[in-house]
Amino acid sequence: MARRIKASIKVKTKQTILIVITIVLSILITSYIAALIVLRGPSPTLSNLITSTMMETRRGKALAHLFFTSEEIDLILQKNSLVKTDQITNYTEDEFIIPENEKDNIEIIPISGPTYKGTLMIVRDPSRIDLGVNLLMDTDKQQGFLVEEFVKSENAIAGINAGGFDDPGGKGDGSIPYSIVIKDGELISGKLTDYNSIIGFNDKNRLVVGNMTAEQALSYNIENAVTFGPILIVNYEPVAITGTGGGLNPRTIIGQREDGAVLLLAIDGRQTTSLGASYSDCIEIMMKYGAMNAANLDGGSSTVMVYNGEIINNVVSMNGDRRVPTAWIVK
């Protein structure tokens, strides 16, 4: 009797395993076919948008290569992106005149579009913007900091993440900044000959954006700067857009109006309530609020905005915001 029961259990166990395997395989096959229909289907615009979105994420890149060759992906990205600009913010000796009764003004505005939700912070006085930097990057304790920690350490009121960082396998600790970083007029990361997209403020509290070497940046009297991109608006002119203008993802953007006010934008993404924004969406928002210069900062799971000691955007990562080497803070 006992042998029959054991034999019966073994049979049922094998049947259960086979059923589970069949269900899993069916789901995988169905998902693959569904993705194939979307990505290789009749709508090139939808396919390009989804592919561009995936190529801006670590896991998405691997998935995209299941459906397209490297050459096909390169072609899609070329047809759906921003055109790199050679323009640099015009240098001027003029200083912004901020009325005394407006210097403390910070405005928080909810932003939304067909595929995204976000938060725009308008800081009326640009002299309040400073750069928080991981000064321990060359020591044994080189781990990056949370944006909240940058804000708290400077006794500041607000902050957003800034430049990129070394992120192997998506597991970077935010310790090593990407390329050029300038702090208080000194080059603390990168070389003088390094050429990249620079985003920073000069000695007149003007946001300077453009592709240049670190040596050029210093010659522009840039006091604080990070490396990222792409550049979105230069001297009131938005960069040219091809196709969808990029995928839909979380974004962090910085811009400046003609009156000196600084625009800090955090777009939520990869969530049911907010898929994310394309670069063209971000340009549209910056133009709407009067940006004369604007650029894209590190985004994705790094996108975070802090105000009055709290994170006020919806961070995409389930583990919370990431440690970063640099942050723009509002004192």
Protein backbone atom coordinates (compact mmCIF):
# COMPACT_ATOMS: atom_id res chain seq x y z
CA MET A 1 0.00 0.00 0.00
CA ALA A 2 2.76 2.39 0.99
CA ARG A 3 4.64 1.64 -2.24
CA ARG A 4 1.55 2.44 -4.29
CA ILE A 5 1.11 5.76 -2.49
CA LYS A 6 4.78 6.67 -3.06
CA ALA A 7 4.54 5.66 -6.71
CA SER A 8 1.37 7.72 -7.09
CA ILE A 9 3.08 10.76 -5.49
CA LYS A 10 6.04 10.42 -7.84
CA VAL A 11 3.76 10.30 -10.86
CA LYS A 12 1.77 13.33 -9.73
CA THR A 13 4.97 15.23 -8.94
CA LYS A 14 6.32 14.56 -12.42
CA GLN A 15 2.99 15.56 -13.93
CA THR A 16 2.98 18.79 -11.91
CA ILE A 17 6.54 19.63 -12.97
CA LEU A 18 5.66 18.97 -16.60
CA ILE A 19 2.58 21.19 -16.32
CA VAL A 20 4.59 23.99 -14.73
CA ILE A 21 7.30 23.72 -17.38
CA THR A 22 4.65 23.74 -20.12
CA ILE A 23 2.97 26.83 -18.64
CA VAL A 24 6.28 28.69 -18.27
CA LEU A 25 7.33 27.83 -21.82
CA SER A 26 3.91 28.87 -23.12
CA ILE A 27 4.19 32.22 -21.36
CA LEU A 28 7.72 32.78 -22.66
CA ILE A 29 6.77 31.83 -26.22
CA THR A 30 3.63 33.97 -26.10
CA SER A 31 5.58 36.92 -24.70
CA TYR A 32 8.25 36.53 -27.36
CA ILE A 33 5.66 36.42 -30.14
CA ALA A 34 3.85 39.44 -28.71
CA ALA A 35 7.10 41.39 -28.48
CA LEU A 36 8.02 40.29 -31.99
CA ILE A 37 4.68 41.55 -33.32
CA VAL A 38 5.16 44.93 -31.61
CA LEU A 39 8.82 45.40 -32.50
CA ARG A 40 8.67 43.91 -35.99
CA GLY A 41 5.02 44.80 -36.62
CA PRO A 42 3.27 47.28 -38.92
CA SER A 43 4.01 50.44 -36.86
CA PRO A 44 7.61 51.65 -37.31
CA THR A 45 6.99 54.61 -35.00
CA LEU A 46 5.89 52.38 -32.11
CA SER A 47 8.73 49.95 -32.78
CA ASN A 48 11.29 52.76 -32.86
CA LEU A 49 9.93 54.30 -29.66
CA ILE A 50 10.03 51.02 -27.73
CA THR A 51 13.47 50.08 -29.08
CA SER A 52 14.90 53.52 -28.22
CA THR A 53 13.44 53.19 -24.74
CA MET A 54 14.97 49.76 -24.20
CA MET A 55 18.39 50.91 -25.40
CA GLU A 56 18.51 53.46 -22.58
CA THR A 57 18.27 50.74 -19.94
CA ARG A 58 20.76 48.02 -19.03
CA ARG A 59 18.29 45.12 -19.20
CA GLY A 60 16.48 46.59 -22.16
CA LYS A 61 19.63 46.58 -24.28
CA ALA A 62 19.96 42.82 -23.91
CA LEU A 63 16.29 42.34 -24.80
CA ALA A 64 16.51 44.57 -27.87
CA HIS A 65 19.36 42.46 -29.23
CA LEU A 66 17.05 39.42 -29.21
CA PHE A 67 14.99 41.03 -31.95
CA PHE A 68 17.41 43.21 -33.88
CA THR A 69 20.98 43.04 -35.09
CA SER A 70 23.48 45.63 -33.85
CA GLU A 71 23.37 47.32 -37.25
CA GLU A 72 19.57 47.57 -37.13
CA ILE A 73 19.66 49.02 -33.62
CA ASP A 74 22.27 51.60 -34.61
CA LEU A 75 20.09 52.66 -37.53
CA ILE A 76 17.00 52.98 -35.29
CA LEU A 77 18.90 55.13 -32.80
CA GLN A 78 20.27 57.35 -35.57
CA LYS A 79 16.76 57.93 -36.89
CA ASN A 80 15.26 58.63 -33.44
CA SER A 81 17.51 60.93 -31.47
CA LEU A 82 18.83 64.46 -31.04
CA VAL A 83 21.33 65.91 -33.47
CA LYS A 84 24.59 66.74 -31.69
CA THR A 85 25.24 70.47 -31.65
CA ASP A 86 28.54 72.33 -31.87
CA GLN A 87 27.03 75.44 -30.30
CA ILE A 88 28.11 76.63 -26.84
CA THR A 89 26.29 79.07 -24.58
CA ASN A 90 27.31 82.64 -25.46
CA TYR A 91 29.62 84.19 -22.89
CA THR A 92 28.59 87.53 -21.41
CA GLU A 93 29.86 89.70 -18.59
CA ASP A 94 26.32 90.69 -17.66
CA GLU A 95 25.13 89.64 -14.22
CA PHE A 96 21.58 88.76 -13.32
CA ILE A 97 19.78 91.36 -11.21
CA ILE A 98 17.45 89.54 -8.83
CA PRO A 99 15.04 91.72 -6.81
CA GLU A 100 15.57 91.28 -3.07
CA ASN A 101 11.96 90.21 -2.53
CA GLU A 102 12.38 87.37 -5.05
CA LYS A 103 15.71 85.87 -3.97
CA ASP A 104 14.13 83.28 -1.67
CA ASN A 105 11.47 82.21 -4.18
CA ILE A 106 11.31 78.52 -5.07
CA GLU A 107 8.31 77.31 -7.06
CA ILE A 108 7.26 73.64 -7.30
CA ILE A 109 5.11 72.82 -10.34
CA PRO A 110 3.60 69.41 -11.22
CA ILE A 111 4.28 68.51 -14.85
CA SER A 112 2.39 66.01 -16.99
CA GLY A 113 2.05 64.84 -20.57
CA PRO A 114 0.56 61.89 -22.47
CA THR A 115 3.24 59.46 -21.24
CA TYR A 116 4.77 61.13 -18.21
CA LYS A 117 4.41 62.92 -14.90
CA GLY A 118 7.10 64.93 -13.20
CA THR A 119 8.07 67.87 -11.03
CA LEU A 120 9.55 71.19 -12.06
CA MET A 121 11.40 73.29 -9.49
CA ILE A 122 12.04 76.93 -10.38
CA VAL A 123 14.80 78.57 -8.32
CA ARG A 124 14.55 82.32 -8.83
CA ASP A 125 18.09 83.22 -7.70
CA PRO A 126 20.80 81.30 -9.65
CA SER A 127 23.48 82.21 -7.09
CA ARG A 128 21.84 79.66 -4.78
CA ILE A 129 22.85 76.78 -7.06
CA ASP A 130 25.99 74.90 -6.03
CA LEU A 131 27.57 71.56 -6.91
CA GLY A 132 27.86 68.80 -4.35
CA VAL A 133 30.78 66.49 -5.14
CA ASN A 134 32.04 63.23 -3.68
CA LEU A 135 35.43 64.49 -2.51
CA LEU A 136 36.27 60.99 -1.23
CA MET A 137 36.42 59.53 -4.75
CA ASP A 138 40.19 58.95 -4.52
CA THR A 139 40.18 57.44 -1.03
CA ASP A 140 39.32 54.05 0.44
CA LYS A 141 35.91 55.46 1.43
CA GLN A 142 34.99 56.43 -2.09
CA GLN A 143 31.33 55.32 -2.19
CA GLY A 144 29.02 57.99 -3.59
CA PHE A 145 26.29 59.79 -1.67
CA LEU A 146 22.53 60.00 -1.84
CA VAL A 147 21.22 63.35 -3.06
CA GLU A 148 19.58 63.80 0.36
CA GLU A 149 23.02 63.44 1.93
CA PHE A 150 24.52 66.08 -0.36
CA VAL A 151 21.67 68.43 0.52
CA LYS A 152 21.93 67.79 4.25
CA SER A 153 25.73 68.09 4.37
CA GLU A 154 25.55 71.58 2.84
CA ASN A 155 22.57 72.62 4.94
CA ALA A 156 20.76 73.17 1.65
CA ILE A 157 17.06 73.23 0.91
CA ALA A 158 16.87 71.19 -2.30
CA GLY A 159 18.81 69.16 -4.83
CA ILE A 160 18.77 66.89 -7.87
CA ASN A 161 21.23 64.34 -9.20
CA ALA A 162 23.78 65.73 -11.65
CA GLY A 163 26.46 64.03 -13.78
CA GLY A 164 26.99 60.42 -14.76
CA PHE A 165 29.25 57.86 -13.14
CA ASP A 166 31.02 54.57 -13.73
CA ASP A 167 28.25 51.96 -13.52
CA PRO A 168 29.45 48.47 -14.55
CA GLY A 169 26.51 46.10 -14.82
CA GLY A 170 24.21 48.64 -13.22
CA LYS A 171 25.91 48.01 -9.88
CA GLY A 172 28.09 51.11 -9.61
CA ASP A 173 28.38 52.70 -6.17
CA GLY A 174 28.33 56.26 -7.48
CA SER A 175 31.92 56.84 -6.50
CA ILE A 176 33.67 57.60 -9.79
CA PRO A 177 32.19 60.46 -11.83
CA TYR A 178 32.01 60.21 -15.59
CA SER A 179 34.60 62.34 -17.38
CA ILE A 180 34.91 66.06 -16.48
CA VAL A 181 33.91 67.53 -13.11
CA ILE A 182 34.78 71.10 -12.10
CA LYS A 183 34.31 72.27 -8.52
CA ASP A 184 34.96 75.86 -7.40
CA GLY A 185 36.93 76.55 -10.56
CA GLU A 186 39.20 73.51 -10.18
CA LEU A 187 39.26 70.43 -12.41
CA ILE A 188 38.81 67.51 -10.00
CA SER A 189 37.90 64.77 -12.48
CA GLY A 190 39.00 64.20 -16.05
CA LYS A 191 41.84 65.74 -18.04
CA LEU A 192 42.21 69.18 -19.59
CA THR A 193 42.09 67.61 -23.05
CA ASP A 194 38.96 65.53 -22.40
CA TYR A 195 36.14 66.54 -24.77
CA ASN A 196 32.54 66.00 -23.77
CA SER A 197 29.12 67.53 -23.10
CA ILE A 198 29.65 70.02 -20.28
CA ILE A 199 26.86 71.40 -18.09
CA GLY A 200 27.84 74.02 -15.53
CA PHE A 201 27.61 77.52 -14.09
CA ASN A 202 30.16 80.26 -14.65
CA ASP A 203 31.30 83.09 -12.39
CA LYS A 204 28.21 85.13 -13.42
CA ASN A 205 25.84 82.35 -12.30
CA ARG A 206 24.98 81.62 -15.92
CA LEU A 207 24.26 78.07 -17.05
CA VAL A 208 26.76 77.13 -19.75
CA VAL A 209 26.09 74.07 -21.91
CA GLY A 210 27.92 72.66 -24.90
CA ASN A 211 30.44 70.17 -26.17
CA MET A 212 33.95 71.29 -25.21
CA THR A 213 37.19 70.30 -23.54
CA ALA A 214 37.79 70.83 -19.83
CA GLU A 215 40.35 73.47 -20.78
CA GLN A 216 37.69 75.34 -22.79
CA ALA A 217 35.26 75.07 -19.89
CA LEU A 218 37.75 76.67 -17.52
CA SER A 219 38.44 79.41 -20.07
CA TYR A 220 34.71 80.17 -19.96
CA ASN A 221 35.18 80.85 -16.23
CA ILE A 222 32.98 77.88 -15.37
CA GLU A 223 33.03 77.45 -11.61
CA ASN A 224 31.06 74.20 -11.26
CA ALA A 225 30.30 71.64 -13.96
CA VAL A 226 29.54 68.00 -14.67
CA THR A 227 29.55 65.81 -17.75
CA PHE A 228 26.45 64.32 -19.30
CA GLY A 229 24.00 65.09 -22.10
CA PRO A 230 22.67 65.44 -24.63
CA ILE A 231 22.50 69.23 -24.82
CA LEU A 232 18.87 70.25 -25.41
CA ILE A 233 18.76 74.02 -25.90
CA VAL A 234 21.60 76.45 -26.64
CA ASN A 235 21.13 80.23 -26.85
CA TYR A 236 17.33 79.84 -27.10
CA GLU A 237 17.62 77.33 -29.98
CA PRO A 238 16.44 73.75 -29.39
CA VAL A 239 18.64 71.10 -31.00
CA ALA A 240 17.31 69.31 -34.06
CA ILE A 241 15.22 66.19 -33.44
CA THR A 242 14.95 63.09 -35.62
CA GLY A 243 12.04 60.67 -35.41
CA THR A 244 10.71 60.11 -31.88
CA GLY A 245 13.50 62.14 -30.28
CA GLY A 246 14.52 59.23 -28.04
CA GLY A 247 12.73 56.69 -25.88
CA LEU A 248 10.47 57.12 -22.85
CA ASN A 249 12.42 57.07 -19.60
CA PRO A 250 12.92 58.88 -16.29
CA ARG A 251 14.78 62.14 -16.95
CA THR A 252 16.63 64.82 -15.00
CA ILE A 253 16.96 68.16 -16.78
CA ILE A 254 18.50 71.52 -15.88
CA GLY A 255 17.82 74.81 -17.65
CA GLN A 256 17.92 78.57 -17.12
CA ARG A 257 15.57 81.40 -18.09
CA GLU A 258 16.55 84.82 -19.40
CA ASP A 259 15.91 86.38 -15.98
CA GLY A 260 18.38 83.96 -14.37
CA ALA A 261 15.87 81.58 -12.79
CA VAL A 262 17.08 77.97 -12.82
CA LEU A 263 14.74 75.21 -13.98
CA LEU A 264 15.22 71.79 -12.38
CA LEU A 265 13.07 69.02 -13.85
CA ALA A 266 12.58 65.44 -12.66
CA ILE A 267 10.45 63.17 -14.87
CA ASP A 268 9.15 59.92 -13.39
CA GLY A 269 9.33 56.83 -15.59
CA ARG A 270 9.11 53.04 -15.96
CA GLN A 271 5.94 53.08 -13.87
CA THR A 272 2.29 52.44 -14.67
CA THR A 273 1.44 56.05 -13.81
CA SER A 274 4.33 57.49 -15.81
CA LEU A 275 6.13 55.65 -18.60
CA GLY A 276 8.64 58.46 -19.00
CA ALA A 277 9.52 61.29 -21.38
CA SER A 278 11.51 61.53 -24.60
CA TYR A 279 14.16 64.18 -25.18
CA SER A 280 11.70 66.01 -27.41
CA ASP A 281 9.21 66.06 -24.51
CA CYS A 282 11.87 67.59 -22.26
CA ILE A 283 12.74 70.24 -24.83
CA GLU A 284 9.07 71.13 -25.10
CA ILE A 285 8.78 71.53 -21.31
CA MET A 286 11.94 73.63 -21.08
CA MET A 287 10.82 75.86 -23.96
CA LYS A 288 7.38 76.28 -22.40
CA TYR A 289 8.96 77.60 -19.21
CA GLY A 290 11.33 79.94 -21.01
CA ALA A 291 14.69 78.13 -20.97
CA MET A 292 17.42 79.86 -22.97
CA ASN A 293 19.85 76.98 -22.27
CA ALA A 294 19.10 73.45 -21.08
CA ALA A 295 20.68 70.01 -20.94
CA ASN A 296 19.93 66.45 -19.94
CA LEU A 297 21.54 65.14 -16.74
CA ASP A 298 21.88 61.53 -15.60
CA GLY A 299 18.44 59.93 -15.57
CA GLY A 300 16.84 56.51 -15.22
CA SER A 301 17.09 55.06 -11.74
CA SER A 302 19.35 57.98 -10.75
CA THR A 303 16.60 60.59 -11.23
CA VAL A 304 15.73 62.13 -7.86
CA MET A 305 14.55 65.52 -6.60
CA VAL A 306 14.82 66.50 -2.95
CA TYR A 307 13.05 69.43 -1.29
CA ASN A 308 12.80 70.30 2.41
CA GLY A 309 14.47 67.02 3.41
CA GLU A 310 12.16 64.77 1.36
CA ILE A 311 12.22 63.11 -2.05
CA ILE A 312 9.35 64.69 -3.98
CA ASN A 313 9.43 62.62 -7.18
CA ASN A 314 8.68 58.91 -7.63
CA VAL A 315 12.03 57.14 -7.82
CA VAL A 316 11.88 54.20 -10.20
CA SER A 317 14.11 51.81 -8.23
CA MET A 318 12.47 49.60 -5.61
CA ASN A 319 15.64 50.05 -3.56
CA GLY A 320 15.23 53.83 -3.49
CA ASP A 321 17.46 56.47 -5.03
CA ARG A 322 21.01 55.63 -6.02
CA ARG A 323 24.29 56.90 -4.69
CA VAL A 324 25.85 59.44 -7.05
CA PRO A 325 29.15 61.35 -7.24
CA THR A 326 27.61 64.76 -7.93
CA ALA A 327 24.40 66.68 -7.26
CA TRP A 328 23.12 70.16 -8.01
CA ILE A 329 22.00 71.62 -4.72
CA VAL A 330 20.01 74.73 -3.79
CA LYS A 331 21.33 76.60 -0.78
